[in-house]
Structures are given as structure tokens and as C-alpha cells.
Amino acid sequence: MVQKYIEKPFLYKTRKFDIRMWAVVTDDFRIYVFREGYLRTSSSEYDLQNSNNNVHLTNQCLQKNDKTYGTHEEGNTLMFK
């Protein structure tokens, strides 16, 4: 396995995020994507020099222990259609 950290990621209001969507792939490789999804955001502004995990990871298990959790969006989550 090879992994590379992205130093200049796309940001949402100066914070990192990931996108969660649902899709189904059939046995004949047709793909159906559910229209709704959500963004999980970090609690803190992105700063490459900051070693705090809450700046770099959007994992809810880590974010919910941060004192700024939920100050930007409820549950650090934004729904979209």
C-alpha cells in the first residue's frame, strides 16, 4: 500500500471535509448513485503545521471529543441533494 498526504486539499470554509454518498453497482456493472449525501467537516481550520488530529481528520469518533465540535455545523455534518 502506498499513501500520500495531500498538503493543499480542497477546503470547506477553511476546514477539511470528506464526502459521503451511497451507490449501488449491479452485477452487470450498472451504477446507481443516491442523490443525497453529506459532508463531514473537521472542527478546526486547516493548517499543515498543526499536528492536532482534529485539523486533519474528519472522523466523527475523533471530532466529537474536540471542544469546538458542532460549533460550525450541527454534528460537523452538512447534508446535500
Protein backbone atom coordinates (compact mmCIF):
# COMPACT_ATOMS: atom_id res chain seq x y z
CA MET A 1 0.00 0.00 0.00
CA VAL A 2 1.17 3.49 -0.84
CA GLN A 3 -0.38 6.57 0.68
CA LYS A 4 0.29 10.29 0.17
CA TYR A 5 -0.96 13.10 2.39
CA ILE A 6 -2.46 15.96 0.37
CA GLU A 7 -0.84 19.19 1.56
CA LYS A 8 -3.20 21.52 -0.36
CA PRO A 9 -6.65 19.89 -0.08
CA PHE A 10 -9.97 21.39 -1.15
CA LEU A 11 -11.46 23.09 1.91
CA TYR A 12 -14.93 23.98 3.10
CA LYS A 13 -14.80 27.34 4.90
CA THR A 14 -11.08 26.82 5.71
CA ARG A 15 -11.69 23.30 7.12
CA LYS A 16 -11.09 19.83 5.71
CA PHE A 17 -14.04 17.65 4.76
CA ASP A 18 -14.93 14.32 3.25
CA ILE A 19 -17.92 13.41 1.11
CA ARG A 20 -20.23 10.50 1.92
CA MET A 21 -22.55 9.20 -0.79
CA TRP A 22 -24.27 5.90 -1.44
CA ALA A 23 -24.13 3.94 -4.68
CA VAL A 24 -25.15 0.52 -5.94
CA VAL A 25 -23.22 -1.38 -8.59
CA THR A 26 -25.14 -4.21 -10.20
CA ASP A 27 -23.66 -7.50 -11.35
CA ASP A 28 -23.65 -6.17 -14.93
CA PHE A 29 -21.76 -3.03 -13.72
CA ARG A 30 -24.59 -0.51 -13.91
CA ILE A 31 -24.10 2.19 -11.27
CA TYR A 32 -26.90 3.93 -9.39
CA VAL A 33 -26.00 6.88 -7.16
CA PHE A 34 -28.34 8.12 -4.43
CA ARG A 35 -28.94 11.87 -4.88
CA GLU A 36 -28.49 12.78 -1.22
CA GLY A 37 -25.23 12.68 0.66
CA TYR A 38 -23.34 14.57 3.29
CA LEU A 39 -20.06 16.28 4.11
CA ARG A 40 -18.22 15.50 7.34
CA THR A 41 -16.16 18.50 8.38
CA SER A 42 -13.26 18.96 10.75
CA SER A 43 -13.69 21.05 13.89
CA SER A 44 -10.69 23.30 13.31
CA GLU A 45 -9.25 25.37 10.46
CA TYR A 46 -6.77 23.55 8.25
CA ASP A 47 -3.13 24.30 8.99
CA LEU A 48 -0.42 21.98 7.68
CA GLN A 49 1.84 22.93 10.62
CA ASN A 50 -0.75 21.94 13.25
CA SER A 51 -0.30 18.31 14.36
CA ASN A 52 -3.71 18.10 16.10
CA ASN A 53 -5.71 15.23 14.55
CA ASN A 54 -8.90 17.33 14.61
CA VAL A 55 -7.39 19.59 11.96
CA HIS A 56 -6.51 16.77 9.58
CA LEU A 57 -9.14 14.05 10.13
CA THR A 58 -12.91 14.23 9.74
CA ASN A 59 -13.64 11.01 11.61
CA GLN A 60 -16.63 11.59 13.91
CA CYS A 61 -15.17 9.42 16.69
CA LEU A 62 -12.22 11.83 16.92
CA GLN A 63 -14.11 15.05 16.21
CA LYS A 64 -16.79 14.59 18.88
CA ASN A 65 -14.15 14.90 21.63
CA ASP A 66 -12.93 18.29 20.40
CA LYS A 67 -14.15 21.34 22.35
CA THR A 68 -15.14 23.04 19.05
CA TYR A 69 -17.20 20.07 17.79
CA GLY A 70 -20.51 21.28 16.37
CA THR A 71 -19.70 25.00 16.54
CA HIS A 72 -19.73 25.38 12.74
CA GLU A 73 -22.39 22.80 11.78
CA GLU A 74 -24.51 20.57 13.95
CA GLY A 75 -22.55 17.36 14.41
CA ASN A 76 -19.92 18.64 11.95
CA THR A 77 -22.20 17.38 9.16
CA LEU A 78 -23.80 19.08 6.15
CA MET A 79 -26.46 17.28 4.11
CA PHE A 80 -26.78 17.91 0.36
CA LYS A 81 -29.05 16.88 -2.52
